[in-house]
């Protein structure tokens, strides 16, 4: 049994057209009423407002776009540089003495964690 194949057309499907129209209407509505709707949800349904925030905001804001990820660090100095960058130090502003101080700080932090762990 031979089936005839549908030929692909360059026209978008009905679903694509409806989706596009919906998104355009939603965008227009958001432009006109977005902040008012946010305020209304916050005032009338605080639990829903909080739920929306939780769904939209990253759980850990430091772990976005590779930030907070130390997998590429090969040494304590690499970790120190990453930590300095994560707190806003521009790469070109990081000096060897800053790297040394940051390395000492992270080693002190690890030693403190180890001391805490021994207490358990």
Protein backbone atom coordinates (compact mmCIF):
# COMPACT_ATOMS: atom_id res chain seq x y z
CA UNK A 1 0.00 0.00 0.00
CA UNK A 2 1.51 3.27 -1.09
CA UNK A 3 0.87 6.41 0.86
CA UNK A 4 1.10 9.78 -0.66
CA UNK A 5 3.26 12.17 1.26
CA UNK A 6 2.11 15.60 2.20
CA UNK A 7 4.22 18.23 0.63
CA UNK A 8 5.78 20.79 2.91
CA UNK A 9 4.48 24.28 2.40
CA UNK A 10 6.22 27.48 3.29
CA UNK A 11 3.09 28.72 5.05
CA UNK A 12 2.96 28.36 8.83
CA UNK A 13 0.46 25.88 10.20
CA UNK A 14 -2.75 26.99 11.86
CA UNK A 15 -1.22 26.10 15.22
CA UNK A 16 1.86 28.23 14.52
CA UNK A 17 -0.32 31.15 13.41
CA UNK A 18 -2.52 30.89 16.50
CA UNK A 19 0.50 30.60 18.79
CA UNK A 20 2.11 33.61 17.17
CA UNK A 21 -1.10 35.65 17.44
CA UNK A 22 -1.51 34.65 21.09
CA UNK A 23 2.06 35.58 21.98
CA UNK A 24 1.68 38.93 20.22
CA UNK A 25 -1.58 39.64 22.09
CA UNK A 26 0.00 38.56 25.37
CA UNK A 27 2.99 40.81 24.77
CA UNK A 28 0.72 43.78 24.03
CA UNK A 29 -1.36 43.08 27.14
CA UNK A 30 1.80 42.75 29.24
CA UNK A 31 3.11 46.07 27.92
CA UNK A 32 -0.15 47.76 28.94
CA UNK A 33 -0.96 46.01 32.22
CA UNK A 34 2.08 44.03 33.40
CA UNK A 35 3.07 46.06 36.48
CA UNK A 36 -0.57 46.51 37.50
CA UNK A 37 -1.13 42.76 37.32
CA UNK A 38 1.99 42.05 39.37
CA UNK A 39 0.80 44.46 42.07
CA UNK A 40 -2.69 42.92 42.07
CA UNK A 41 -1.33 39.37 42.42
CA UNK A 42 1.00 40.47 45.21
CA UNK A 43 -1.86 42.13 47.12
CA UNK A 44 -4.67 39.65 46.43
CA UNK A 45 -2.79 36.34 46.35
CA UNK A 46 0.57 36.63 48.14
CA UNK A 47 1.09 32.85 48.05
CA UNK A 48 0.70 32.82 44.24
CA UNK A 49 3.02 35.83 44.02
CA UNK A 50 5.68 33.96 46.04
CA UNK A 51 5.16 30.85 43.91
CA UNK A 52 5.75 32.85 40.73
CA UNK A 53 8.95 34.29 42.15
CA UNK A 54 10.21 30.84 43.11
CA UNK A 55 9.49 29.55 39.61
CA UNK A 56 11.17 32.45 37.84
CA UNK A 57 14.18 33.29 40.01
CA UNK A 58 17.15 30.90 40.10
CA UNK A 59 17.44 28.96 43.35
CA UNK A 60 21.01 30.13 43.85
CA UNK A 61 21.64 33.42 42.05
CA UNK A 62 25.40 32.78 42.14
CA UNK A 63 24.99 29.68 39.99
CA UNK A 64 23.93 31.32 36.75
CA UNK A 65 25.83 31.22 33.45
CA UNK A 66 28.63 29.10 34.93
CA UNK A 67 29.08 31.38 37.89
CA UNK A 68 29.69 29.37 41.06
CA UNK A 69 31.11 26.50 39.00
CA UNK A 70 34.69 25.61 39.93
CA UNK A 71 35.13 22.64 37.58
CA UNK A 72 37.65 24.49 35.41
CA UNK A 73 39.85 25.45 38.38
CA UNK A 74 43.14 23.55 38.40
CA UNK A 75 44.74 25.10 41.49
CA UNK A 76 44.08 27.06 44.67
CA UNK A 77 45.10 30.18 42.75
CA UNK A 78 42.43 29.46 40.09
CA UNK A 79 39.83 29.10 42.84
CA UNK A 80 41.01 32.35 44.43
CA UNK A 81 40.72 34.19 41.10
CA UNK A 82 37.23 32.75 40.53
CA UNK A 83 36.11 33.81 44.02
CA UNK A 84 37.49 37.32 43.47
CA UNK A 85 35.66 37.53 40.13
CA UNK A 86 32.43 36.24 41.72
CA UNK A 87 32.47 39.12 44.22
CA UNK A 88 32.86 41.65 41.43
CA UNK A 89 36.59 42.13 41.00
CA UNK A 90 37.35 42.75 37.31
CA UNK A 91 39.83 40.24 35.90
CA UNK A 92 42.28 42.97 34.96
CA UNK A 93 42.20 44.30 38.54
CA UNK A 94 43.30 41.05 40.20
CA UNK A 95 46.87 41.29 41.44
CA UNK A 96 49.22 38.51 42.65
CA UNK A 97 48.89 39.81 46.23
CA UNK A 98 45.09 39.61 45.96
CA UNK A 99 45.35 36.02 44.72
CA UNK A 100 47.66 35.17 47.61
CA UNK A 101 45.33 36.77 50.18
CA UNK A 102 42.27 35.07 48.67
CA UNK A 103 44.08 31.71 48.70
CA UNK A 104 44.92 32.17 52.39
CA UNK A 105 41.29 33.09 53.10
CA UNK A 106 39.92 30.01 51.36
CA UNK A 107 42.41 27.73 53.13
CA UNK A 108 41.39 29.28 56.47
CA UNK A 109 37.75 28.72 55.52
CA UNK A 110 38.40 25.04 54.74
CA UNK A 111 40.32 24.60 58.01
CA UNK A 112 37.40 26.16 59.90
CA UNK A 113 34.94 23.81 58.17
CA UNK A 114 37.14 20.84 59.07
CA UNK A 115 37.24 21.97 62.71
CA UNK A 116 33.44 22.29 62.72
CA UNK A 117 33.06 18.83 61.15
CA UNK A 118 35.24 17.25 63.87
CA UNK A 119 32.82 18.57 66.46
CA UNK A 120 30.02 16.40 65.04
